[in-house]
Amino acid sequence: AGAFTGMLRGVKSSVEEVRLHGIKDTDEFFEKQRSFVVESSVRLKETSKATEKVIKSQNLLSEAFFDLGTRCIAQGNEEGGRLRLARSFAVVGDGFHTDVAYAEACVRADEALVALLDQYSRDFKGVQGMLGTRTKAMVDYERAKKDLAKHEKAGNALKTVEAEKAMAQAMTKFDQLTDIARSELVNFRTQRVAAFERCLSEFARSQIDDTKANIATWEGVLADLNQPIVELDDDSADI
């Protein structure tokens, strides 16, 4: 029963969020901020899911590199009489084993990226909640104004007094939430979003540096493969 009740509350909360999201804000500033937050939240979730898939692929790639490297080295050990071939297998095997460390470093970097994306997803979710609270207060204020107008038109003095009091309370709450939300949104855009952009830039730079290092590794492998083999005697190699 408790789980079912919790599920119903979750559904009700989701429905309320959708309803509030469909209400156009009377303040252009908040309408633009809400669009930014909603779009950013969607992109964060999509990027996080995509990165998790990349991590799975990189783990498989790391295993493949290790297996290829091990097989190459083993094959090189079996080519004892043919120095050039044995050396080529050993060099390529070492290259694949170096790639294992590269793939593992990529996995760690992407795992850190997923953690960062999830953290900012929670931040954006909090901002969405704040904006939803303000939108609800706006709806309550508009409803209170309509109620007041209805009672004034009906000439019901008692109901009119009650409606005036309710509208004043709703307006005060809405104004307070508006001031708080405006300040929080400005701070969020200038601090949290800016910090997030810096983190992404650092991540991109690290990916570029790692890729350059990996390219350098294989350039070294090619250079080693082109090195001449010094024959010790006539029977030492079968090229």
C-alpha atoms as a PDB file:
ATOM      1  CA  ALA A   1       0.000   0.000   0.000  1.00  0.00           C
ATOM      2  CA  GLY A   2       2.837   2.372   0.884  1.00  0.00           C
ATOM      3  CA  ALA A   3       4.589   1.725  -2.444  1.00  0.00           C
ATOM      4  CA  PHE A   4       1.337   2.236  -4.355  1.00  0.00           C
ATOM      5  CA  THR A   5       0.673   5.494  -2.503  1.00  0.00           C
ATOM      6  CA  GLY A   6       4.196   6.661  -3.285  1.00  0.00           C
ATOM      7  CA  MET A   7       3.706   5.804  -6.951  1.00  0.00           C
ATOM      8  CA  LEU A   8       0.467   7.789  -7.051  1.00  0.00           C
ATOM      9  CA  ARG A   9       2.187  10.759  -5.468  1.00  0.00           C
ATOM     10  CA  GLY A  10       4.929  10.528  -8.083  1.00  0.00           C
ATOM     11  CA  VAL A  11       2.384  10.434 -10.906  1.00  0.00           C
ATOM     12  CA  LYS A  12       0.489  13.364  -9.393  1.00  0.00           C
ATOM     13  CA  SER A  13       3.724  15.325  -9.051  1.00  0.00           C
ATOM     14  CA  SER A  14       4.671  14.593 -12.685  1.00  0.00           C
ATOM     15  CA  VAL A  15       1.229  15.635 -13.917  1.00  0.00           C
ATOM     16  CA  GLU A  16       1.462  18.853 -11.912  1.00  0.00           C
ATOM     17  CA  GLU A  17       4.894  19.583 -13.380  1.00  0.00           C
ATOM     18  CA  VAL A  18       3.584  19.092 -16.910  1.00  0.00           C
ATOM     19  CA  ARG A  19       0.576  21.309 -16.171  1.00  0.00           C
ATOM     20  CA  LEU A  20       2.705  24.104 -14.757  1.00  0.00           C
ATOM     21  CA  HIS A  21       5.203  23.793 -17.600  1.00  0.00           C
ATOM     22  CA  GLY A  22       2.392  24.428 -20.079  1.00  0.00           C
ATOM     23  CA  ILE A  23       1.487  27.738 -18.439  1.00  0.00           C
ATOM     24  CA  LYS A  24       3.130  30.728 -20.122  1.00  0.00           C
ATOM     25  CA  ASP A  25       4.837  33.035 -17.672  1.00  0.00           C
ATOM     26  CA  THR A  26       3.744  36.670 -17.626  1.00  0.00           C
ATOM     27  CA  ASP A  27       7.382  37.725 -17.086  1.00  0.00           C
ATOM     28  CA  GLU A  28       9.559  37.295 -20.195  1.00  0.00           C
ATOM     29  CA  PHE A  29      12.686  36.867 -18.056  1.00  0.00           C
ATOM     30  CA  PHE A  30      11.271  33.835 -16.274  1.00  0.00           C
ATOM     31  CA  GLU A  31       9.806  32.400 -19.473  1.00  0.00           C
ATOM     32  CA  LYS A  32      13.247  32.454 -21.115  1.00  0.00           C
ATOM     33  CA  GLN A  33      14.945  31.035 -18.029  1.00  0.00           C
ATOM     34  CA  ARG A  34      12.438  28.207 -17.801  1.00  0.00           C
ATOM     35  CA  SER A  35      12.992  27.285 -21.463  1.00  0.00           C
ATOM     36  CA  PHE A  36      16.752  27.298 -20.897  1.00  0.00           C
ATOM     37  CA  VAL A  37      16.497  25.096 -17.806  1.00  0.00           C
ATOM     38  CA  VAL A  38      14.121  22.581 -19.403  1.00  0.00           C
ATOM     39  CA  GLU A  39      16.189  22.260 -22.598  1.00  0.00           C
ATOM     40  CA  SER A  40      19.440  21.977 -20.640  1.00  0.00           C
ATOM     41  CA  SER A  41      17.984  19.276 -18.379  1.00  0.00           C
ATOM     42  CA  VAL A  42      16.971  17.184 -21.394  1.00  0.00           C
ATOM     43  CA  ARG A  43      20.397  17.536 -22.986  1.00  0.00           C
ATOM     44  CA  LEU A  44      22.196  16.664 -19.747  1.00  0.00           C
ATOM     45  CA  LYS A  45      20.208  13.445 -19.399  1.00  0.00           C
ATOM     46  CA  GLU A  46      20.747  12.498 -23.046  1.00  0.00           C
ATOM     47  CA  THR A  47      24.490  13.187 -22.815  1.00  0.00           C
ATOM     48  CA  SER A  48      24.783  11.188 -19.595  1.00  0.00           C
ATOM     49  CA  LYS A  49      23.074   8.160 -21.172  1.00  0.00           C
ATOM     50  CA  ALA A  50      25.212   8.422 -24.306  1.00  0.00           C
ATOM     51  CA  THR A  51      28.401   8.655 -22.232  1.00  0.00           C
ATOM     52  CA  GLU A  52      27.442   5.558 -20.247  1.00  0.00           C
ATOM     53  CA  LYS A  53      27.150   3.653 -23.525  1.00  0.00           C
ATOM     54  CA  VAL A  54      30.590   4.935 -24.557  1.00  0.00           C
ATOM     55  CA  ILE A  55      32.034   3.716 -21.245  1.00  0.00           C
ATOM     56  CA  LYS A  56      30.720   0.194 -21.909  1.00  0.00           C
ATOM     57  CA  SER A  57      32.291   0.245 -25.373  1.00  0.00           C
ATOM     58  CA  GLN A  58      35.604   1.511 -23.993  1.00  0.00           C
ATOM     59  CA  ASN A  59      35.700  -1.279 -21.408  1.00  0.00           C
ATOM     60  CA  LEU A  60      35.207  -3.825 -24.188  1.00  0.00           C
ATOM     61  CA  LEU A  61      37.891  -2.067 -26.225  1.00  0.00           C
ATOM     62  CA  SER A  62      40.303  -2.201 -23.297  1.00  0.00           C
ATOM     63  CA  GLU A  63      39.762  -5.964 -22.987  1.00  0.00           C
ATOM     64  CA  ALA A  64      40.293  -6.376 -26.737  1.00  0.00           C
ATOM     65  CA  PHE A  65      43.535  -4.349 -26.631  1.00  0.00           C
ATOM     66  CA  PHE A  66      44.865  -6.458 -23.773  1.00  0.00           C
ATOM     67  CA  ASP A  67      43.981  -9.695 -25.546  1.00  0.00           C
ATOM     68  CA  LEU A  68      45.539  -8.557 -28.838  1.00  0.00           C
ATOM     69  CA  GLY A  69      48.687  -7.373 -27.088  1.00  0.00           C
ATOM     70  CA  THR A  70      49.061 -10.609 -25.159  1.00  0.00           C
ATOM     71  CA  ARG A  71      48.540 -12.709 -28.295  1.00  0.00           C
ATOM     72  CA  CYS A  72      51.063 -10.649 -30.278  1.00  0.00           C
ATOM     73  CA  ILE A  73      53.718 -10.953 -27.608  1.00  0.00           C
ATOM     74  CA  ALA A  74      53.075 -14.678 -27.266  1.00  0.00           C
ATOM     75  CA  GLN A  75      53.351 -15.092 -31.035  1.00  0.00           C
ATOM     76  CA  GLY A  76      56.566 -13.116 -31.037  1.00  0.00           C
ATOM     77  CA  ASN A  77      58.052 -15.450 -28.428  1.00  0.00           C
ATOM     78  CA  GLU A  78      57.291 -18.378 -30.707  1.00  0.00           C
ATOM     79  CA  GLU A  79      59.161 -16.748 -33.590  1.00  0.00           C
ATOM     80  CA  GLY A  80      62.552 -17.083 -31.938  1.00  0.00           C
ATOM     81  CA  GLY A  81      64.431 -17.898 -35.115  1.00  0.00           C
ATOM     82  CA  ARG A  82      62.951 -15.090 -37.149  1.00  0.00           C
ATOM     83  CA  LEU A  83      64.134 -11.938 -35.418  1.00  0.00           C
ATOM     84  CA  ARG A  84      62.318  -9.368 -37.534  1.00  0.00           C
ATOM     85  CA  LEU A  85      58.976 -11.100 -37.228  1.00  0.00           C
ATOM     86  CA  ALA A  86      59.454 -11.769 -33.523  1.00  0.00           C
ATOM     87  CA  ARG A  87      60.421  -8.168 -32.908  1.00  0.00           C
ATOM     88  CA  SER A  88      57.447  -6.867 -34.928  1.00  0.00           C
ATOM     89  CA  PHE A  89      54.999  -8.929 -32.867  1.00  0.00           C
ATOM     90  CA  ALA A  90      56.632  -7.735 -29.635  1.00  0.00           C
ATOM     91  CA  VAL A  91      56.519  -4.064 -30.649  1.00  0.00           C
ATOM     92  CA  VAL A  92      52.891  -4.229 -31.768  1.00  0.00           C
ATOM     93  CA  GLY A  93      51.959  -6.178 -28.640  1.00  0.00           C
ATOM     94  CA  ASP A  94      53.505  -3.485 -26.444  1.00  0.00           C
ATOM     95  CA  GLY A  95      51.551  -0.881 -28.421  1.00  0.00           C
ATOM     96  CA  PHE A  96      48.264  -2.653 -27.731  1.00  0.00           C
ATOM     97  CA  HIS A  97      49.128  -2.990 -24.036  1.00  0.00           C
ATOM     98  CA  THR A  98      49.829   0.748 -23.932  1.00  0.00           C
ATOM     99  CA  ASP A  99      46.389   1.250 -25.483  1.00  0.00           C
ATOM    100  CA  VAL A 100      44.881  -0.594 -22.515  1.00  0.00           C
ATOM    101  CA  ALA A 101      46.089   2.172 -20.207  1.00  0.00           C
ATOM    102  CA  TYR A 102      44.772   4.763 -22.672  1.00  0.00           C
ATOM    103  CA  ALA A 103      41.319   3.128 -22.801  1.00  0.00           C
ATOM    104  CA  GLU A 104      41.204   2.813 -19.003  1.00  0.00           C
ATOM    105  CA  ALA A 105      42.102   6.506 -18.662  1.00  0.00           C
ATOM    106  CA  CYS A 106      39.262   7.358 -21.068  1.00  0.00           C
ATOM    107  CA  VAL A 107      36.861   5.296 -18.969  1.00  0.00           C
ATOM    108  CA  ARG A 108      37.883   7.123 -15.786  1.00  0.00           C
ATOM    109  CA  ALA A 109      37.490  10.487 -17.507  1.00  0.00           C
ATOM    110  CA  ASP A 110      34.055   9.556 -18.871  1.00  0.00           C
ATOM    111  CA  GLU A 111      32.934   8.209 -15.498  1.00  0.00           C
ATOM    112  CA  ALA A 112      33.906  11.546 -13.973  1.00  0.00           C
ATOM    113  CA  LEU A 113      31.958  13.277 -16.750  1.00  0.00           C
ATOM    114  CA  VAL A 114      28.842  11.202 -16.000  1.00  0.00           C
ATOM    115  CA  ALA A 115      29.132  12.102 -12.314  1.00  0.00           C
ATOM    116  CA  LEU A 116      29.441  15.774 -13.275  1.00  0.00           C
ATOM    117  CA  LEU A 117      26.436  15.565 -15.610  1.00  0.00           C
ATOM    118  CA  ASP A 118      24.348  13.858 -12.935  1.00  0.00           C
ATOM    119  CA  GLN A 119      25.331  16.511 -10.392  1.00  0.00           C
ATOM    120  CA  TYR A 120      24.278  19.336 -12.697  1.00  0.00           C
ATOM    121  CA  SER A 121      21.101  17.458 -13.646  1.00  0.00           C
ATOM    122  CA  ARG A 122      20.155  17.582  -9.963  1.00  0.00           C
ATOM    123  CA  ASP A 123      20.997  21.289  -9.885  1.00  0.00           C
ATOM    124  CA  PHE A 124      18.790  21.970 -12.895  1.00  0.00           C
ATOM    125  CA  LYS A 125      16.042  19.831 -11.366  1.00  0.00           C
ATOM    126  CA  GLY A 126      16.185  22.027  -8.264  1.00  0.00           C
ATOM    127  CA  VAL A 127      15.913  25.161 -10.385  1.00  0.00           C
ATOM    128  CA  GLN A 128      12.936  23.650 -12.214  1.00  0.00           C
ATOM    129  CA  GLY A 129      11.278  23.005  -8.863  1.00  0.00           C
ATOM    130  CA  MET A 130      11.857  26.600  -7.806  1.00  0.00           C
ATOM    131  CA  LEU A 131      10.384  27.907 -11.051  1.00  0.00           C
ATOM    132  CA  GLY A 132       7.438  25.534 -10.686  1.00  0.00           C
ATOM    133  CA  THR A 133       6.758  26.843  -7.180  1.00  0.00           C
ATOM    134  CA  ARG A 134       6.771  30.405  -8.489  1.00  0.00           C
ATOM    135  CA  THR A 135       4.481  29.471 -11.415  1.00  0.00           C
ATOM    136  CA  LYS A 136       2.046  27.856  -8.994  1.00  0.00           C
ATOM    137  CA  ALA A 137       2.070  31.037  -6.908  1.00  0.00           C
ATOM    138  CA  MET A 138       1.376  33.035 -10.076  1.00  0.00           C
ATOM    139  CA  VAL A 139      -1.579  30.770 -10.907  1.00  0.00           C
ATOM    140  CA  ASP A 140      -2.906  31.118  -7.354  1.00  0.00           C
ATOM    141  CA  TYR A 141      -2.628  34.912  -7.590  1.00  0.00           C
ATOM    142  CA  GLU A 142      -4.465  35.018 -10.934  1.00  0.00           C
ATOM    143  CA  ARG A 143      -7.187  32.776  -9.508  1.00  0.00           C
ATOM    144  CA  ALA A 144      -7.518  35.028  -6.450  1.00  0.00           C
ATOM    145  CA  LYS A 145      -7.954  38.047  -8.709  1.00  0.00           C
ATOM    146  CA  LYS A 146     -10.720  36.301 -10.633  1.00  0.00           C
ATOM    147  CA  ASP A 147     -12.446  35.285  -7.409  1.00  0.00           C
ATOM    148  CA  LEU A 148     -12.362  38.887  -6.197  1.00  0.00           C
ATOM    149  CA  ALA A 149     -13.791  40.178  -9.456  1.00  0.00           C
ATOM    150  CA  LYS A 150     -16.552  37.550  -9.322  1.00  0.00           C
ATOM    151  CA  HIS A 151     -17.593  38.439  -5.758  1.00  0.00           C
ATOM    152  CA  GLU A 152     -17.455  42.178  -6.490  1.00  0.00           C
ATOM    153  CA  LYS A 153     -19.695  41.680  -9.493  1.00  0.00           C
ATOM    154  CA  ALA A 154     -22.111  39.602  -7.393  1.00  0.00           C
ATOM    155  CA  GLY A 155     -22.213  42.327  -4.742  1.00  0.00           C
ATOM    156  CA  ASN A 156     -21.346  39.919  -1.938  1.00  0.00           C
ATOM    157  CA  ALA A 157     -19.598  42.171   0.591  1.00  0.00           C
ATOM    158  CA  LEU A 158     -18.433  39.418   2.948  1.00  0.00           C
ATOM    159  CA  LYS A 159     -17.048  37.274   0.143  1.00  0.00           C
ATOM    160  CA  THR A 160     -15.436  40.352  -1.386  1.00  0.00           C
ATOM    161  CA  VAL A 161     -13.539  41.140   1.834  1.00  0.00           C
ATOM    162  CA  GLU A 162     -12.348  37.531   2.095  1.00  0.00           C
ATOM    163  CA  ALA A 163     -11.314  37.547  -1.551  1.00  0.00           C
ATOM    164  CA  GLU A 164      -9.388  40.806  -1.134  1.00  0.00           C
ATOM    165  CA  LYS A 165      -7.485  39.307   1.786  1.00  0.00           C
ATOM    166  CA  ALA A 166      -6.769  36.104  -0.149  1.00  0.00           C
ATOM    167  CA  MET A 167      -5.598  38.064  -3.179  1.00  0.00           C
ATOM    168  CA  ALA A 168      -3.302  40.242  -1.053  1.00  0.00           C
ATOM    169  CA  GLN A 169      -1.737  37.151   0.516  1.00  0.00           C
ATOM    170  CA  ALA A 170      -1.328  35.471  -2.876  1.00  0.00           C
ATOM    171  CA  MET A 171       0.247  38.615  -4.345  1.00  0.00           C
ATOM    172  CA  THR A 172       2.691  38.923  -1.429  1.00  0.00           C
ATOM    173  CA  LYS A 173       3.728  35.296  -1.774  1.00  0.00           C
ATOM    174  CA  PHE A 174       4.123  35.613  -5.530  1.00  0.00           C
ATOM    175  CA  ASP A 175       6.196  38.804  -5.253  1.00  0.00           C
ATOM    176  CA  GLN A 176       8.474  37.243  -2.614  1.00  0.00           C
ATOM    177  CA  LEU A 177       9.020  34.099  -4.686  1.00  0.00           C
ATOM    178  CA  THR A 178       9.677  36.225  -7.762  1.00  0.00           C
ATOM    179  CA  ASP A 179      12.405  38.231  -6.008  1.00  0.00           C
ATOM    180  CA  ILE A 180      14.044  35.087  -4.622  1.00  0.00           C
ATOM    181  CA  ALA A 181      13.849  33.197  -7.925  1.00  0.00           C
ATOM    182  CA  ARG A 182      15.250  36.121  -9.916  1.00  0.00           C
ATOM    183  CA  SER A 183      18.256  36.396  -7.607  1.00  0.00           C
ATOM    184  CA  GLU A 184      18.844  32.616  -7.565  1.00  0.00           C
ATOM    185  CA  LEU A 185      18.610  32.361 -11.347  1.00  0.00           C
ATOM    186  CA  VAL A 186      21.122  35.150 -11.893  1.00  0.00           C
ATOM    187  CA  ASN A 187      23.560  33.444  -9.507  1.00  0.00           C
ATOM    188  CA  PHE A 188      22.919  30.070 -11.109  1.00  0.00           C
ATOM    189  CA  ARG A 189      23.669  31.340 -14.611  1.00  0.00           C
ATOM    190  CA  THR A 190      26.760  33.337 -13.610  1.00  0.00           C
ATOM    191  CA  GLN A 191      28.268  30.769 -11.236  1.00  0.00           C
ATOM    192  CA  ARG A 192      27.035  27.197 -11.649  1.00  0.00           C
ATOM    193  CA  VAL A 193      26.544  27.247 -15.420  1.00  0.00           C
ATOM    194  CA  ALA A 194      29.856  29.052 -15.951  1.00  0.00           C
ATOM    195  CA  ALA A 195      31.616  26.466 -13.764  1.00  0.00           C
ATOM    196  CA  PHE A 196      29.982  23.664 -15.744  1.00  0.00           C
ATOM    197  CA  GLU A 197      31.195  25.162 -19.016  1.00  0.00           C
ATOM    198  CA  ARG A 198      34.745  25.353 -17.607  1.00  0.00           C
ATOM    199  CA  CYS A 199      34.581  21.687 -16.581  1.00  0.00           C
ATOM    200  CA  LEU A 200      33.472  20.681 -20.063  1.00  0.00           C
ATOM    201  CA  SER A 201      36.296  22.711 -21.626  1.00  0.00           C
ATOM    202  CA  GLU A 202      38.835  21.005 -19.356  1.00  0.00           C
ATOM    203  CA  PHE A 203      37.384  17.614 -20.239  1.00  0.00           C
ATOM    204  CA  ALA A 204      37.642  18.367 -23.967  1.00  0.00           C
ATOM    205  CA  ARG A 205      41.257  19.484 -23.582  1.00  0.00           C
ATOM    206  CA  SER A 206      42.141  16.323 -21.649  1.00  0.00           C
ATOM    207  CA  GLN A 207      40.549  14.187 -24.388  1.00  0.00           C
ATOM    208  CA  ILE A 208      42.628  15.974 -27.018  1.00  0.00           C
ATOM    209  CA  ASP A 209      45.833  15.522 -24.986  1.00  0.00           C
ATOM    210  CA  ASP A 210      45.117  11.803 -24.415  1.00  0.00           C
ATOM    211  CA  THR A 211      44.415  11.279 -28.106  1.00  0.00           C
ATOM    212  CA  LYS A 212      47.660  13.021 -29.072  1.00  0.00           C
ATOM    213  CA  ALA A 213      49.548  10.811 -26.612  1.00  0.00           C
ATOM    214  CA  ASN A 214      47.920   7.711 -28.101  1.00  0.00           C
ATOM    215  CA  ILE A 215      48.847   8.804 -31.632  1.00  0.00           C
ATOM    216  CA  ALA A 216      52.418   9.396 -30.455  1.00  0.00           C
ATOM    217  CA  THR A 217      52.499   5.854 -29.057  1.00  0.00           C
ATOM    218  CA  TRP A 218      51.618   4.323 -32.400  1.00  0.00           C
ATOM    219  CA  GLU A 219      53.977   6.637 -34.252  1.00  0.00           C
ATOM    220  CA  GLY A 220      56.646   5.222 -31.954  1.00  0.00           C
ATOM    221  CA  VAL A 221      55.487   1.708 -32.780  1.00  0.00           C
ATOM    222  CA  LEU A 222      55.840   2.424 -36.515  1.00  0.00           C
ATOM    223  CA  ALA A 223      59.276   3.924 -35.970  1.00  0.00           C
ATOM    224  CA  ASP A 224      60.394   0.823 -34.043  1.00  0.00           C
ATOM    225  CA  LEU A 225      59.068  -1.452 -36.775  1.00  0.00           C
ATOM    226  CA  ASN A 226      61.180   0.409 -39.324  1.00  0.00           C
ATOM    227  CA  GLN A 227      64.350   0.022 -37.298  1.00  0.00           C
ATOM    228  CA  PRO A 228      66.889  -2.347 -38.933  1.00  0.00           C
ATOM    229  CA  ILE A 229      67.587  -5.709 -37.335  1.00  0.00           C
ATOM    230  CA  VAL A 230      71.204  -6.400 -36.468  1.00  0.00           C
ATOM    231  CA  GLU A 231      72.030 -10.016 -37.331  1.00  0.00           C
ATOM    232  CA  LEU A 232      74.362 -11.699 -34.808  1.00  0.00           C
ATOM    233  CA  ASP A 233      75.261 -14.587 -37.098  1.00  0.00           C
ATOM    234  CA  ASP A 234      74.000 -16.422 -40.135  1.00  0.00           C
ATOM    235  CA  ASP A 235      71.851 -18.811 -38.107  1.00  0.00           C
ATOM    236  CA  SER A 236      70.293 -16.243 -35.764  1.00  0.00           C
ATOM    237  CA  ALA A 237      67.467 -15.124 -38.046  1.00  0.00           C
ATOM    238  CA  ASP A 238      65.268 -16.341 -40.812  1.00  0.00           C
ATOM    239  CA  ILE A 239      63.828 -13.196 -42.268  1.00  0.00           C
END
